[in-house]
Each structure stands twice: as structure tokens, then as C-alpha cells.
Protein backbone atom coordinates (compact mmCIF):
# COMPACT_ATOMS: atom_id res chain seq x y z
CA MET A 1 21.15 -3.89 -12.28
CA THR A 2 19.23 -5.43 -14.50
CA LEU A 3 15.90 -6.58 -13.69
CA LEU A 4 14.96 -10.21 -14.17
CA ARG A 5 13.68 -10.74 -17.36
CA PRO A 6 9.73 -9.83 -17.25
CA VAL A 7 8.16 -13.21 -18.57
CA HIS A 8 6.20 -15.33 -16.74
CA ALA A 9 8.22 -17.54 -14.46
CA ALA A 10 6.76 -20.33 -15.29
CA ASP A 11 8.00 -19.74 -18.96
CA GLY A 12 11.48 -21.28 -18.26
CA THR A 13 10.66 -24.01 -15.95
CA GLY A 14 10.42 -26.27 -19.23
CA GLY A 15 8.11 -28.31 -17.06
CA GLY A 16 5.05 -26.08 -17.65
CA SER A 17 4.06 -25.76 -14.12
CA THR A 18 0.98 -23.48 -14.24
CA PRO A 19 1.91 -20.06 -11.66
CA GLY A 20 -0.64 -21.58 -8.95
CA ALA A 21 1.44 -24.46 -8.55
CA LEU A 22 4.79 -22.97 -8.65
CA LEU A 23 3.12 -20.40 -5.73
CA GLU A 24 2.19 -23.58 -4.07
CA ARG A 25 6.15 -24.21 -3.57
CA ALA A 26 6.19 -21.48 -1.10
CA VAL A 27 3.67 -23.25 1.37
CA GLY A 28 4.86 -25.94 3.88
CA TRP A 29 6.28 -27.06 6.93
CA ARG A 30 9.74 -28.17 5.72
CA CYS A 31 10.96 -25.51 3.25
CA GLY A 32 8.25 -23.22 2.41
CA THR A 33 8.44 -19.24 3.35
CA ALA A 34 4.23 -19.74 4.65
CA VAL A 35 3.72 -22.59 6.84
CA SER A 36 -0.17 -22.08 6.68
CA VAL A 37 -2.59 -20.61 3.85
CA ASP A 38 -6.48 -20.57 5.33
CA ARG A 39 -9.73 -19.48 3.89
CA VAL A 40 -10.96 -16.43 6.52
CA PRO A 41 -14.62 -17.73 7.55
CA ARG A 42 -17.32 -15.62 6.58
CA THR A 43 -20.69 -14.77 8.52
CA PRO A 44 -23.70 -13.80 6.80
CA ALA A 45 -23.06 -10.15 7.55
CA ASP A 46 -19.87 -10.02 5.83
CA PRO A 47 -19.59 -9.02 2.18
CA PRO A 48 -19.57 -12.24 -0.26
CA ILE A 49 -15.72 -12.21 -1.23
CA VAL A 50 -13.32 -14.85 -0.60
CA GLN A 51 -10.67 -14.21 1.86
CA TYR A 52 -6.97 -15.95 2.68
CA SER A 53 -4.41 -15.43 5.33
CA ALA A 54 -0.89 -16.61 5.21
CA ARG A 55 1.22 -16.66 8.08
CA TYR A 56 4.69 -17.84 8.80
CA GLY A 57 4.16 -20.31 11.60
CA PRO A 58 1.91 -21.06 14.37
CA ALA A 59 4.03 -18.98 16.61
CA ASP A 60 3.91 -15.71 15.15
CA ASP A 61 2.25 -13.04 16.76
CA ARG A 62 2.72 -10.57 13.37
CA THR A 63 -0.51 -9.59 11.01
CA PRO A 64 -1.15 -12.45 8.97
CA ALA A 65 -0.72 -11.71 5.32
CA GLY A 66 -3.99 -11.54 3.48
CA GLY A 67 -5.81 -12.02 0.49
CA ALA A 68 -9.25 -11.09 -0.80
CA ALA A 69 -10.95 -11.66 -4.38
CA THR A 70 -14.43 -12.96 -5.79
CA ASN A 71 -12.55 -16.38 -6.19
CA THR A 72 -10.58 -18.96 -4.37
CA ASP A 73 -7.72 -18.80 -6.77
CA GLN A 74 -7.13 -15.09 -6.93
CA ALA A 75 -7.92 -14.88 -3.14
CA ARG A 76 -5.27 -17.66 -1.85
CA SER A 77 -2.07 -16.28 -4.43
CA ALA A 78 -2.56 -12.72 -3.27
CA ALA A 79 -2.20 -13.83 0.64
CA VAL A 80 0.71 -16.21 -0.33
CA GLY A 81 2.29 -13.26 -2.96
CA GLU A 82 1.63 -10.62 0.05
CA LEU A 83 3.61 -12.81 3.02
CA LEU A 84 6.65 -13.50 0.21
CA GLU A 85 6.68 -9.24 -0.49
CA ARG A 86 7.25 -8.54 3.22
CA TYR A 87 9.43 -11.80 3.67
CA ALA A 88 11.91 -10.60 0.64
CA ALA A 89 11.74 -7.25 2.32
CA ALA A 90 13.00 -8.23 5.62
CA SER A 91 15.35 -10.60 3.99
CA PHE A 92 16.92 -9.53 0.99
CA PRO A 93 20.92 -9.01 1.21
CA LEU A 94 21.45 -5.39 -0.26
CA PRO A 95 24.55 -4.30 -0.88
CA LEU A 96 25.30 -1.49 1.70
CA ARG A 97 27.80 1.21 1.69
CA SER A 98 29.04 4.10 4.01
CA SER A 99 27.42 8.00 3.06
CA ALA A 100 31.24 8.96 3.21
CA SER A 101 32.71 6.01 0.34
CA VAL A 102 29.83 7.29 -2.34
CA PRO A 103 29.80 10.56 -4.05
CA PRO A 104 27.92 12.88 -3.20
CA GLU A 105 26.29 13.30 -6.66
CA GLU A 106 25.80 9.16 -6.66
CA GLN A 107 23.28 9.50 -3.31
CA LEU A 108 19.97 10.21 -2.00
CA GLY A 109 19.86 10.96 1.82
CA HIS A 110 16.83 11.13 4.33
CA ASP A 111 16.52 14.87 3.92
CA ASP A 112 15.62 14.44 -0.11
CA PHE A 113 12.88 12.20 0.78
CA THR A 114 9.29 13.15 1.94
CA LEU A 115 9.52 12.05 5.45
CA HIS A 116 9.87 13.43 8.59
CA SER A 117 10.23 17.47 8.80
CA ALA A 118 12.62 19.21 10.78
CA GLN A 119 10.91 19.99 13.48
CA GLN A 120 9.50 16.88 13.95
CA ARG A 121 12.72 15.22 14.39
CA ALA A 122 13.87 17.56 16.59
CA HIS A 123 11.28 16.72 19.04
CA PRO A 124 12.93 14.81 22.33
CA GLY A 125 10.00 12.09 21.71
CA PHE A 126 10.75 11.35 18.12
CA PRO A 127 10.83 7.89 17.92
CA HIS A 128 13.35 7.28 15.14
CA HIS A 129 16.46 9.21 16.07
CA ASP A 130 18.67 6.17 15.60
CA SER A 131 17.21 5.20 11.99
CA TYR A 132 17.39 8.85 10.41
CA ALA A 133 21.16 9.00 12.06
CA SER A 134 22.10 5.56 10.35
CA ASP A 135 24.57 6.17 6.72
CA ARG A 136 24.15 3.04 5.60
CA LEU A 137 23.21 3.28 1.78
CA THR A 138 21.76 0.81 -0.57
CA GLN A 139 21.71 0.97 -4.47
CA VAL A 140 18.43 1.40 -6.52
CA PHE A 141 17.94 2.56 -9.91
CA ARG A 142 15.63 4.85 -11.58
CA LEU A 143 12.76 3.58 -13.17
CA ARG A 144 13.08 5.60 -16.05
CA ASP A 145 16.58 5.15 -17.51
CA ASN A 146 17.67 2.54 -15.49
CA THR A 147 20.53 5.45 -13.98
CA PRO A 148 21.91 4.34 -10.30
CA MET A 149 21.77 5.61 -7.04
CA TRP A 150 22.62 5.39 -3.65
CA VAL A 151 19.52 6.04 -0.77
CA PRO A 152 19.10 4.96 2.83
CA ALA A 153 19.06 1.07 2.90
CA ASN A 154 16.22 1.62 5.79
CA LEU A 155 13.68 2.75 3.10
CA VAL A 156 13.94 -0.10 0.89
CA SER A 157 14.64 -2.96 3.38
CA ASN A 158 12.37 -3.76 6.46
CA ASP A 159 15.62 -5.45 8.40
CA PRO A 160 14.77 -3.72 11.40
CA SER A 161 18.55 -3.74 12.40
CA LEU A 162 18.94 -1.05 9.37
CA GLY A 163 16.51 1.09 11.11
CA HIS A 164 12.50 1.36 11.39
CA LEU A 165 11.55 3.49 8.55
CA ALA A 166 10.38 1.07 5.87
CA THR A 167 6.99 0.10 5.43
CA SER A 168 5.26 -2.06 2.76
CA ASN A 169 4.67 1.44 0.67
CA GLY A 170 5.89 0.54 -2.72
CA LEU A 171 6.50 -3.13 -2.24
CA ALA A 172 5.08 -5.68 -4.86
CA ALA A 173 5.65 -9.30 -5.65
CA ALA A 174 3.68 -10.19 -9.08
CA PRO A 175 4.88 -13.32 -11.52
CA THR A 176 6.51 -11.04 -13.60
CA SER A 177 8.69 -8.00 -12.40
CA MET A 178 7.25 -5.47 -14.71
CA LEU A 179 3.73 -6.59 -12.90
CA ALA A 180 5.61 -6.00 -9.89
CA LEU A 181 7.27 -2.54 -10.77
CA LEU A 182 3.64 -1.53 -12.01
CA ARG A 183 1.26 -2.54 -8.58
CA ALA A 184 4.19 -0.72 -6.15
CA THR A 185 4.22 2.62 -8.86
CA GLN A 186 0.31 2.59 -8.22
CA GLU A 187 0.35 1.89 -4.99
CA LEU A 188 2.72 4.69 -4.18
CA ILE A 189 0.34 6.99 -6.04
CA GLU A 190 -2.69 5.82 -4.19
CA ARG A 191 -1.00 6.09 -0.57
CA ASP A 192 0.53 9.59 -1.34
CA ALA A 193 -3.18 10.36 -2.39
CA LEU A 194 -4.95 9.24 0.73
CA VAL A 195 -2.21 10.86 2.83
CA THR A 196 -2.00 14.30 1.37
CA THR A 197 -5.88 14.41 1.21
CA TRP A 198 -6.13 13.19 4.60
CA LEU A 199 -3.75 15.30 6.58
CA HIS A 200 -5.33 17.98 4.21
CA GLY A 201 -8.71 17.25 5.02
CA VAL A 202 -9.67 17.73 1.52
CA PRO A 203 -13.24 17.20 1.22
CA ALA A 204 -12.77 15.11 -1.90
CA ARG A 205 -14.81 14.26 -4.86
CA GLN A 206 -17.83 11.78 -4.43
CA VAL A 207 -18.74 9.48 -7.50
CA PRO A 208 -20.80 6.90 -8.54
CA VAL A 209 -19.99 3.47 -7.57
CA PRO A 210 -18.79 1.71 -10.71
CA PRO A 211 -22.24 -1.13 -10.93
CA GLN A 212 -19.05 -3.36 -11.54
CA THR A 213 -18.10 -2.52 -8.34
CA LEU A 214 -21.15 -3.77 -6.80
CA ALA A 215 -21.43 -6.68 -8.55
CA ALA A 216 -18.19 -7.85 -7.07
CA LEU A 217 -19.67 -7.19 -3.50
CA GLY A 218 -22.98 -9.39 -4.72
CA GLY A 219 -24.74 -6.20 -5.39
CA GLY A 220 -23.74 -4.17 -2.38
CA ASP A 221 -27.04 -4.67 -0.67
CA GLY A 222 -27.16 -4.03 3.07
CA PHE A 223 -23.76 -2.17 2.76
CA ALA A 224 -23.25 1.54 2.74
CA LEU A 225 -20.96 2.49 0.45
CA THR A 226 -19.29 5.64 -0.70
CA ALA A 227 -17.22 5.72 -4.05
CA LEU A 228 -14.23 8.73 -4.02
CA ASP A 229 -11.73 9.51 -6.93
CA LEU A 230 -8.62 11.01 -5.26
CA THR A 231 -6.71 11.26 -8.25
CA PRO A 232 -3.79 13.29 -8.40
CA ALA A 233 -3.68 15.98 -11.45
CA PHE A 234 0.28 13.96 -12.24
CA SER A 235 -1.18 10.73 -12.32
CA PRO A 236 -2.89 9.30 -15.77
CA HIS A 237 -4.35 6.22 -13.41
CA PRO A 238 -7.10 7.11 -11.25
CA VAL A 239 -7.01 6.22 -7.68
CA ALA A 240 -10.36 5.46 -6.38
CA ALA A 241 -11.00 5.23 -2.29
CA VAL A 242 -14.14 3.11 -1.45
CA PHE A 243 -15.12 4.21 2.42
CA GLY A 244 -18.29 2.18 3.85
CA SER A 245 -20.20 0.43 6.78
CA ALA A 246 -21.43 -2.69 7.29
CA PRO A 247 -23.04 -3.55 10.52
CA LEU A 248 -22.72 -6.44 12.96
CA ALA A 249 -24.09 -7.61 15.87
CA GLY A 250 -26.11 -4.53 16.07
CA ARG A 251 -23.16 -2.02 15.21
CA ASP A 252 -21.36 -0.82 12.20
CA ARG A 253 -18.02 -2.00 11.17
CA HIS A 254 -16.82 1.16 9.59
CA SER A 255 -13.58 0.69 6.71
CA ILE A 256 -11.65 1.82 3.54
CA GLY A 257 -10.27 0.24 0.51
CA LEU A 258 -7.86 1.99 -1.54
CA ALA A 259 -6.32 1.38 -5.41
CA CYS A 260 -4.88 3.32 -8.07
CA ARG A 261 -5.56 1.11 -11.95
CA SER A 262 -5.65 2.24 -15.52
CA THR A 263 -9.56 2.44 -15.20
CA PHE A 264 -11.76 4.05 -12.06
CA THR A 265 -13.71 0.97 -12.62
CA ASP A 266 -10.79 -1.58 -11.44
CA ALA A 267 -9.42 0.88 -9.19
CA ALA A 268 -12.83 1.38 -7.24
CA THR A 269 -13.64 -2.81 -7.44
CA LYS A 270 -9.94 -3.40 -6.01
CA ALA A 271 -10.70 -0.91 -3.36
CA ALA A 272 -14.47 -2.34 -3.15
CA LEU A 273 -12.27 -5.64 -1.89
CA GLU A 274 -9.85 -3.97 0.22
CA TRP A 275 -12.65 -2.58 2.29
CA ALA A 276 -14.21 -6.03 2.39
CA GLN A 277 -11.38 -7.30 3.90
CA GLY A 278 -10.95 -4.17 6.38
CA VAL A 279 -14.93 -4.84 7.15
CA SER A 280 -14.14 -8.68 8.23
CA PHE A 281 -10.78 -7.43 9.86
CA ALA A 282 -12.41 -4.91 12.18
CA GLY A 283 -15.06 -7.29 13.33
CA VAL A 284 -12.66 -9.38 14.46
CA ASN A 285 -10.18 -6.66 16.06
CA SER A 286 -12.30 -4.11 17.88
CA PRO A 287 -13.21 -4.97 20.76
CA THR A 288 -16.30 -2.87 22.24
CA ALA A 289 -14.63 -2.69 25.88
CA PRO A 290 -13.96 0.66 27.38
CA PRO A 291 -12.14 2.81 26.79
CA PRO A 292 -12.56 3.70 23.11
CA PRO A 293 -9.30 5.05 21.95
CA GLU A 294 -8.57 8.43 21.10
CA PRO A 295 -6.34 9.45 18.28
CA GLU A 296 -3.07 9.71 19.58
CA ASP A 297 -3.42 6.39 20.60
CA VAL A 298 -2.95 4.48 16.86
CA THR A 299 0.64 4.11 16.94
CA SER A 300 0.02 0.91 14.27
CA PHE A 301 -1.27 -0.09 11.07
CA ASP A 302 -4.20 -2.73 13.03
CA GLU A 303 -5.30 0.16 15.35
CA HIS A 304 -6.22 2.56 12.16
CA ALA A 305 -7.92 -0.53 10.76
CA VAL A 306 -10.07 -0.84 13.91
CA PHE A 307 -10.34 2.84 15.02
CA TYR A 308 -13.20 4.41 13.32
CA THR A 309 -15.32 0.89 14.44
CA ARG A 310 -14.40 1.35 17.94
CA ARG A 311 -15.42 5.20 17.39
CA PRO A 312 -18.29 5.61 15.56
CA ASP A 313 -19.08 8.74 16.80
CA LEU A 314 -15.91 10.15 14.63
CA TRP A 315 -16.38 8.07 11.36
CA HIS A 316 -19.54 10.69 10.12
CA ALA A 317 -17.39 13.91 11.22
CA LEU A 318 -14.78 13.33 8.84
CA PRO A 319 -14.04 16.09 6.44
CA VAL A 320 -14.35 13.34 3.52
CA TRP A 321 -18.17 13.72 3.36
CA ASP A 322 -18.17 17.16 2.23
CA GLY A 323 -16.94 17.09 -0.84
CA PRO A 324 -18.77 17.91 -4.15
CA VAL A 325 -19.90 15.61 -6.54
CA ALA A 326 -18.58 14.77 -9.93
CA GLY A 327 -17.94 12.29 -12.45
CA ALA A 328 -14.89 10.23 -11.90
CA THR A 329 -11.68 10.46 -14.18
CA PRO A 330 -11.78 7.72 -16.90
CA GLY A 331 -8.43 6.69 -16.92
CA THR A 332 -5.92 5.55 -19.91
CA GLY A 333 -7.74 1.87 -20.25
CA THR A 334 -4.42 0.90 -21.37
CA VAL A 335 -4.40 -2.91 -20.72
CA ALA A 336 -0.54 -3.70 -21.65
CA VAL A 337 1.22 -4.09 -18.30
CA SER A 338 4.53 -2.65 -20.08
CA ASP A 339 2.28 0.04 -21.75
CA GLN A 340 0.65 1.18 -18.40
CA LEU A 341 4.21 1.43 -16.54
CA ALA A 342 5.44 3.50 -19.47
CA GLU A 343 2.59 5.85 -19.04
CA LEU A 344 3.13 6.38 -15.43
CA VAL A 345 6.78 6.90 -15.47
CA THR A 346 6.40 9.12 -18.36
CA ALA A 347 3.73 11.37 -16.94
CA LEU A 348 5.43 11.53 -13.10
CA ASP A 349 8.55 12.27 -14.72
CA GLY A 350 7.06 14.95 -16.70
CA ALA A 351 5.28 16.35 -13.17
CA GLY A 352 8.71 16.62 -11.56
CA VAL A 353 8.18 13.09 -9.73
CA ASP A 354 11.20 10.56 -9.55
CA LEU A 355 10.75 6.88 -9.51
CA PHE A 356 13.82 4.31 -8.17
CA TYR A 357 13.41 0.69 -7.83
CA ARG A 358 15.35 -2.29 -6.25
CA ASP A 359 14.54 -5.74 -7.49
CA LEU A 360 14.47 -8.02 -4.18
CA THR A 361 13.92 -11.73 -5.62
CA LEU A 362 15.78 -14.03 -3.32
CA PRO A 363 16.00 -17.51 -5.29
CA ASP A 364 13.20 -19.06 -3.27
CA LEU A 365 11.14 -16.54 -4.78
CA ALA A 366 12.06 -16.91 -7.85
CA GLY A 367 11.29 -20.66 -7.37
CA CYS A 368 8.05 -20.12 -6.82
CA GLY A 369 7.31 -18.04 -9.90
CA VAL A 370 7.54 -14.67 -7.43
CA ARG A 371 9.37 -11.32 -8.33
CA ALA A 372 9.41 -8.90 -5.87
CA VAL A 373 10.41 -4.82 -6.24
CA ARG A 374 10.60 -2.22 -3.86
CA VAL A 375 9.72 1.41 -5.43
CA LEU A 376 10.41 4.68 -4.30
CA SER A 377 10.13 7.96 -4.79
CA PRO A 378 11.71 11.44 -2.74
CA GLN A 379 8.49 13.28 -3.99
CA LEU A 380 5.62 11.13 -2.77
CA VAL A 381 4.50 10.62 0.82
CA PRO A 382 4.42 6.90 2.31
CA ILE A 383 1.67 5.95 4.42
CA HIS A 384 2.32 5.89 8.38
CA PRO A 385 1.51 3.87 11.00
CA ASP A 386 1.92 5.74 13.98
CA HIS A 387 -1.29 9.16 13.67
CA ARG A 388 1.55 10.92 15.89
CA TRP A 389 4.09 10.87 13.79
CA PRO A 390 3.11 11.61 9.95
CA HIS A 391 5.42 12.55 7.25
CA LEU A 392 5.17 16.28 7.23
CA GLY A 393 8.35 17.17 5.43
CA GLY A 394 8.91 17.30 1.89
CA THR A 395 6.04 17.80 -0.56
CA CYS A 396 3.42 16.97 2.12
CA ALA A 397 2.39 20.47 2.21
CA ASP A 398 2.19 21.05 -1.29
CA LEU A 399 -1.59 20.09 -1.56
CA ALA A 400 -1.50 22.23 -5.26
CA MET A 401 0.70 20.10 -6.35
CA ARG A 402 -1.29 17.57 -6.47
CA TYR A 403 -5.08 18.83 -6.36
CA PRO A 404 -4.98 22.18 -7.70
CA TRP A 405 -8.48 22.63 -7.41
CA ALA A 406 -8.48 21.58 -3.35
CA ARG A 407 -9.20 23.20 -0.53
CA SER A 408 -7.10 22.48 3.11
CA THR A 409 -9.48 22.40 6.10
CA GLY A 410 -6.60 22.07 8.19
CA TRP A 411 -2.89 20.49 8.51
CA PRO A 412 -2.06 18.17 9.82
CA ALA A 413 -5.29 15.99 10.29
CA ALA A 414 -6.30 15.82 13.96
CA LEU A 415 -7.85 12.43 13.36
CA PRO A 416 -6.24 9.24 12.14
CA HIS A 417 -6.55 7.61 8.69
CA PRO A 418 -8.57 4.46 8.62
CA LEU A 419 -6.42 2.25 6.15
CA GLY A 420 -4.78 -0.94 8.19
């Protein structure tokens, strides 16, 4: 499989269409993927950023796709892009074969990935027996050298007919294939970083919030923010987590943002925008009516996002607050997208972390100037929507692989992660 050429989609239109104009083709009642794209109202208590949401249609009860930025164009484009990547993951017609029809050396099974452990899967209440029993494979390609490999289709596609194992983990849409691959790979790294430190209860390294990050939030006045450096040993690109609180109507909204970029400042700034999104979401979607949720009640990403706003008594009891104060991992500072991707692939390959990709670009996405990809890794832990069923198999227990300096305070963690 050859990726669509990594140049800007607008370069080949002949009409000089701008990326924004191309992306607007995705919005509309007659043929658009997104029926509506709306600016999210902001209260004076919210961080001063721009947010947009995008929906498939007025009767769609799924959580809208969202985008946050410091300006209108970027926020709107981010919301539409997130909706398009979801659409591509659910709709792309993957090639399918049975595992029996593929030579063993050309396939990886569920047991080769860091998913649920054998003990979890043997539990009578385990909800994904049918998904793990599926023998349908699809073709992916090693990111390092394009070697083809067949893997479970329900790790690549979000089509519910294939099972319910894949989420948005490692899914990205961007104007070029190269940028989509970079963002999807960075997302795999950041999610693995959060999940492993969280499940092990690692007291994370606290670092100063970069001035650029505070500037993106209008100076950060009125908000309690903490930056954590979650960079694993194998990643040349830093991983930043921004934890914070913002008051509304006499109570605090608690949230987190997470990002991996080539510098810590860029990662923290992106994470802060995600934190601001989470704060706004928690304010609207965390009713105060009793009873407050228990950890085992958290079975979706939306419930993860609002849990600590509804259970503020648990927020300051989290082990992440007890970590040492340290300097942030600076990162490489590499600017060129292809060079960033190359240094990530090389570093992860050297650490024994495999990366595979699948181009999910549908013709209508290409017509909007968008490329969509899925990147997956057998060694990295996907984030889980159901707190009762985190991914405890594979390398999840191997904290030293990621953080040789870290200590585990208990595995697996009793409290849910806060990422929606």
C-alpha cells in the first residue's frame, strides 16, 4: 500500500483552493459529512480560547467532535477534522481476510497487542468476548519500511460490525499523509504515557508551566494549572500533561489535557488547549444531582471527563500530585514534519516498539483536502473508555520500559483516568 503523496491536497486542485475552502466542502446538508459546525459559547469563567463542535446531524446523540485553538479558523478546522477522522475510521472499506487464509508469519493476532490480559478475558462478565473471537484480519504496513502485515480488523476500523475494540487511539486526519502519520504516532505515545503512569499510580514529574502555554490561555489568571512531564524513555518528543481546575458557580471543574510534540512548550500548549476543552465540557455535562458516581460507574470517555468534577473529594488525593519538581524534557525542536516522523520511528524502533499504519482516506475526504490514517503499535497501551476493563495485557505492567526512574504505588489504579 502506498500512501497518498505527502504534499498539500490543495496543490493538485488546479483551482488554487485554500485548505480552509477545501475543508468547508465537508459541511452541508446535501452532501456534507458534517451537517453542522457551531461555535461553542464561552462564559466569563471559561478559559479565553475558541472552541467549535461538529455533528453528523441534528438527531445524532453521539458526543460532537470538537476543536480548540486560539483563533477561529484553527478551532473550526480542528472540529471538522476530528469528525472526518471518525467518519473515515467507521466507513473505510478495509480489505478483509480470515486468519486461516493468511500465513502465520504475515499476521499478528489480538494476543500480540497490548490489550486485555488473559485473566481479564476469562472473566465471565468480560464484555468483548465476541470481538476477541473474530478472525477477520486487515492489511496494515510497517511504518519503518512499508512491510505488509495482517492484523485484527477491529483494531483498525471503528465499524461496530467488526467488534468494539478500536477507539480514536492512533487516529488522525490532516492536510497531508505525513502530518497525519506524525500526529497519530504522537497520540499513541501520549496515550501510552498517561495510561501506564496512571495505572501504576506514578507520582509524575512536575515542571514549570511554560510562558507560551499561559499566554495561550490569556495568562492563566483564575485557573490552577500544573504541568507534568510524562515523557517515556523511548520518545525523543516530550509528552506533557496539564492538570487544572477552573471555578464555575461556586464549584471547581477539574480536567486534564495531554499532548506529544517535538518540544515540551508545544506539547504543554496543546495540552492546555485540551484542558480548556475539558473544563468547558465538565461545566456543561457534570450534573450535581446525587448520587455522585463511584469509580466502577465510569464506562465511557464522557464519564471519565466529568468524574473528578463530580467527585472533587478524589481529585487532590491522586498520586500524580506527589511527584518531584524537575526540569522539563526539552525535546528535539525539529520543525520539518518528515524529519519529526523519522526521528520518532527510528527511536521507537530502537526501543523495540513497532509501528504499523493504514491509510483510511476516502474519496470524499480527499476531495476536502484531508488525509486520514490509523497508526497502531503492539507494544503501546491504548486508552480505555471503561474503567472496569483497562488494558492490562502485553507490556502494560512493564513500567521500567518507559520510566526507569519511576516507582509504582499500586497496579492497577483504583481510580479512573480523567481524559475524555
